[in-house]
Protein backbone atom coordinates (compact mmCIF):
# COMPACT_ATOMS: atom_id res chain seq x y z
CA MET A 1 49.24 -33.79 -18.40
CA MET A 2 45.67 -34.73 -19.45
CA SER A 3 44.83 -34.98 -15.81
CA THR A 4 46.12 -31.42 -15.31
CA LEU A 5 43.85 -30.29 -18.17
CA ALA A 6 41.14 -31.85 -16.92
CA SER A 7 41.22 -30.73 -13.50
CA ARG A 8 41.65 -27.18 -14.77
CA LEU A 9 38.72 -27.47 -16.86
CA SER A 10 36.70 -29.00 -14.30
CA MET A 11 37.76 -26.14 -11.94
CA ALA A 12 36.78 -23.60 -14.63
CA GLY A 13 33.33 -25.19 -14.86
CA VAL A 14 32.92 -24.88 -11.16
CA LEU A 15 33.86 -21.37 -11.06
CA LEU A 16 31.49 -20.53 -13.77
CA ALA A 17 28.89 -22.30 -12.02
CA THR A 18 29.43 -20.57 -9.01
CA ALA A 19 29.73 -17.08 -10.65
CA GLY A 20 26.00 -17.79 -11.92
CA LEU A 21 24.80 -18.28 -8.45
CA PRO A 22 24.40 -14.70 -7.43
CA GLU A 23 22.12 -13.79 -10.39
CA SER A 24 19.90 -16.63 -9.49
CA ALA A 25 19.97 -15.93 -5.35
CA PRO A 26 17.45 -12.71 -5.85
CA ALA A 27 14.80 -15.00 -7.76
CA GLN A 28 14.83 -17.26 -4.58
CA TYR A 29 14.06 -14.42 -2.22
CA GLN A 30 11.27 -12.96 -4.08
CA LEU A 31 8.87 -15.37 -3.01
CA PRO A 32 9.16 -14.66 0.74
CA THR A 33 8.88 -11.09 0.18
CA LEU A 34 5.57 -11.60 -1.67
CA VAL A 35 4.15 -13.73 1.10
CA SER A 36 5.27 -11.09 3.57
CA SER A 37 3.52 -8.38 1.40
CA VAL A 38 0.37 -10.64 1.20
CA LYS A 39 0.28 -11.64 4.84
CA ALA A 40 0.81 -7.78 5.93
CA ASP A 41 -1.83 -6.69 3.44
CA SER A 42 -4.50 -9.26 4.98
CA LEU A 43 -2.97 -8.29 8.57
CA HIS A 44 -3.94 -4.64 7.89
CA GLU A 45 -7.37 -5.59 6.66
CA ALA A 46 -7.98 -7.68 9.90
CA ALA A 47 -6.91 -4.81 11.80
CA VAL A 48 -9.58 -2.52 10.21
CA ALA A 49 -12.24 -5.19 10.72
CA LEU A 50 -11.26 -5.36 14.58
CA GLU A 51 -11.55 -1.53 14.54
CA ALA A 52 -15.06 -1.69 13.21
CA LYS A 53 -15.77 -4.06 16.17
CA ASP A 54 -14.37 -1.60 18.74
CA ARG A 55 -11.70 -4.14 19.64
CA PHE A 56 -9.14 -1.33 19.72
CA ARG A 57 -6.24 -2.94 21.66
CA ASP A 58 -6.29 -6.16 19.21
CA ALA A 59 -6.34 -3.72 16.14
CA ALA A 60 -3.40 -1.74 17.13
CA ARG A 61 -1.53 -5.11 17.88
CA VAL A 62 -2.16 -6.35 14.59
CA HIS A 63 -1.70 -3.17 12.90
CA ARG A 64 1.78 -3.35 14.59
CA ARG A 65 2.37 -6.72 12.97
CA SER A 66 1.31 -5.75 9.60
CA ALA A 67 4.01 -2.71 9.79
CA GLU A 68 6.88 -5.19 10.93
CA LEU A 69 6.07 -7.28 7.91
CA ARG A 70 6.43 -4.44 5.41
CA PRO A 71 9.71 -3.08 3.74
CA ALA A 72 10.94 0.39 4.93
CA GLU A 73 9.77 2.09 1.65
CA ASP A 74 6.27 0.84 2.01
CA PRO A 75 4.11 3.79 3.13
CA LEU A 76 1.38 1.57 4.48
CA GLY A 77 3.93 0.41 7.21
CA PHE A 78 3.85 4.28 8.38
CA ARG A 79 0.12 4.30 8.56
CA CYS A 80 -0.30 1.29 10.09
CA LEU A 81 1.92 2.43 13.14
CA THR A 82 0.07 5.68 13.30
CA GLU A 83 -3.35 3.75 13.43
CA ALA A 84 -1.78 1.56 16.07
CA ALA A 85 -0.56 4.51 18.28
CA ALA A 86 -4.02 6.12 17.95
CA LEU A 87 -5.79 3.06 18.95
CA ALA A 88 -3.30 2.54 21.72
CA TYR A 89 -3.80 6.12 23.03
CA PHE A 90 -7.87 5.83 23.21
CA SER A 91 -7.21 2.46 24.66
CA GLY A 92 -5.43 4.15 27.49
CA ASP A 93 -1.92 2.95 26.80
CA PRO A 94 -0.19 6.10 26.07
CA SER A 95 3.39 4.63 26.49
CA ARG A 96 2.62 2.21 23.71
CA ALA A 97 1.20 4.94 21.57
CA ARG A 98 4.14 7.23 22.10
CA THR A 99 6.44 4.06 21.38
CA ASP A 100 4.43 3.50 18.06
CA MET A 101 4.51 7.34 16.89
CA ALA A 102 8.29 7.15 17.39
CA GLU A 103 8.54 3.73 15.35
CA ALA A 104 6.19 5.60 12.80
CA ALA A 105 8.68 8.32 12.60
CA GLY A 106 11.46 5.88 11.79
CA HIS A 107 9.46 4.36 9.07
CA ALA A 108 8.99 7.73 7.43
CA LEU A 109 12.49 8.47 7.84
CA ALA A 110 13.45 5.19 5.97
CA ARG A 111 11.39 6.32 3.07
CA GLY A 112 12.78 9.66 3.14
CA ASP A 113 9.71 11.51 4.13
CA LEU A 114 10.97 13.92 6.34
CA ARG A 115 7.62 16.02 7.04
CA ALA A 116 5.60 12.97 8.33
CA ALA A 117 8.78 11.80 10.45
CA ALA A 118 9.06 15.16 12.19
CA LEU A 119 5.31 15.53 12.66
CA ALA A 120 5.31 11.96 14.16
CA TYR A 121 8.14 12.80 16.46
CA LEU A 122 6.05 15.78 17.77
CA ASP A 123 3.03 13.68 18.15
CA ALA A 124 5.37 11.14 20.21
CA ALA A 125 6.67 14.26 22.25
CA TRP A 126 3.14 15.54 22.94
CA ILE A 127 2.26 12.04 24.35
CA ALA A 128 5.52 12.11 26.31
CA GLN A 129 4.19 15.83 27.69
CA GLU A 130 1.14 14.04 28.83
CA GLN A 131 2.96 11.65 30.63
CA LYS A 132 5.13 14.32 32.14
CA ASN A 133 8.21 12.67 30.82
CA PRO A 134 10.49 15.62 30.05
CA ARG A 135 13.18 13.43 28.79
CA GLN A 136 11.41 11.90 26.36
CA VAL A 137 9.85 15.25 25.41
CA TRP A 138 13.16 16.91 24.84
CA GLU A 139 14.39 13.79 22.88
CA LEU A 140 11.60 13.58 20.60
CA GLY A 141 10.89 17.07 20.12
CA HIS A 142 14.80 17.68 19.39
CA ARG A 143 14.50 15.03 16.60
CA ALA A 144 11.60 17.11 15.17
CA GLU A 145 13.58 20.29 15.33
CA MET A 146 16.66 18.90 13.66
CA LEU A 147 14.17 17.59 10.84
CA ALA A 148 12.91 21.01 10.35
CA GLU A 149 16.21 22.50 9.76
CA SER A 150 17.18 19.81 6.76
CA PRO A 151 17.92 21.49 3.64
CA LEU A 152 16.16 18.61 1.92
CA LEU A 153 12.95 19.81 3.11
CA GLY A 154 10.76 22.23 0.95
CA ALA A 155 9.73 25.55 2.37
CA SER A 156 6.09 24.55 2.83
CA ASP A 157 6.88 21.25 4.68
CA ARG A 158 9.38 23.29 6.90
CA ALA A 159 6.74 25.80 7.58
CA ALA A 160 4.21 22.91 8.84
CA ILE A 161 6.77 21.52 11.01
CA LEU A 162 7.61 24.89 12.49
CA GLN A 163 4.14 25.90 12.90
CA ARG A 164 3.23 22.69 14.70
CA ILE A 165 6.33 23.14 16.92
CA ARG A 166 4.87 26.75 17.94
CA ARG A 167 1.37 25.38 18.60
CA VAL A 168 2.92 22.99 21.29
CA PRO A 169 2.17 24.19 25.01
CA GLU A 170 4.63 26.34 26.37
CA SER A 171 5.52 23.70 29.13
CA MET A 172 6.47 21.25 26.34
CA ARG A 173 8.44 23.93 24.38
CA MET A 174 10.45 24.30 27.80
CA ALA A 175 10.99 20.77 28.20
CA MET A 176 12.24 20.35 24.74
CA ARG A 177 14.96 23.07 25.06
CA ARG A 178 16.09 21.74 28.35
CA GLU A 179 18.61 19.06 27.82
CA PRO A 180 18.05 15.80 29.75
């Protein structure tokens, strides 16, 4: 009888110790998040320094890396990707610029910033139009149009997106209307 009681008590002790683990687990994961954030910030600063030295391709690459290390809710991730897109575009790599802008839109969506996401999708669609890629124009433009119809947008944000859509060249609007 004593061995049964002892085994039950030891089992209860193990269960209590195990139940306490989930509370301590998040504390163990705080350090990597902080380290990633510090590294992302230092990469952002390095990218800005590279831009100042006119090393645009390298700066774009470092901005991308900085954005990868940031959590979705960090608005600097969106900024890093839009900077990378602009630098890639001016460096003569429009395909990479289009990809960076589409990824920036994804970062904005993850934060719930529908206006920034729609405008980034429109920028990416504009680049696709320059590349004569109607399928991408349609896909990216359609995403922006869908976001413009969201009931979560305020009237001024919706108006800004729709105004931007109306300003795009007619050939781009035609490509956006056609399905791939």
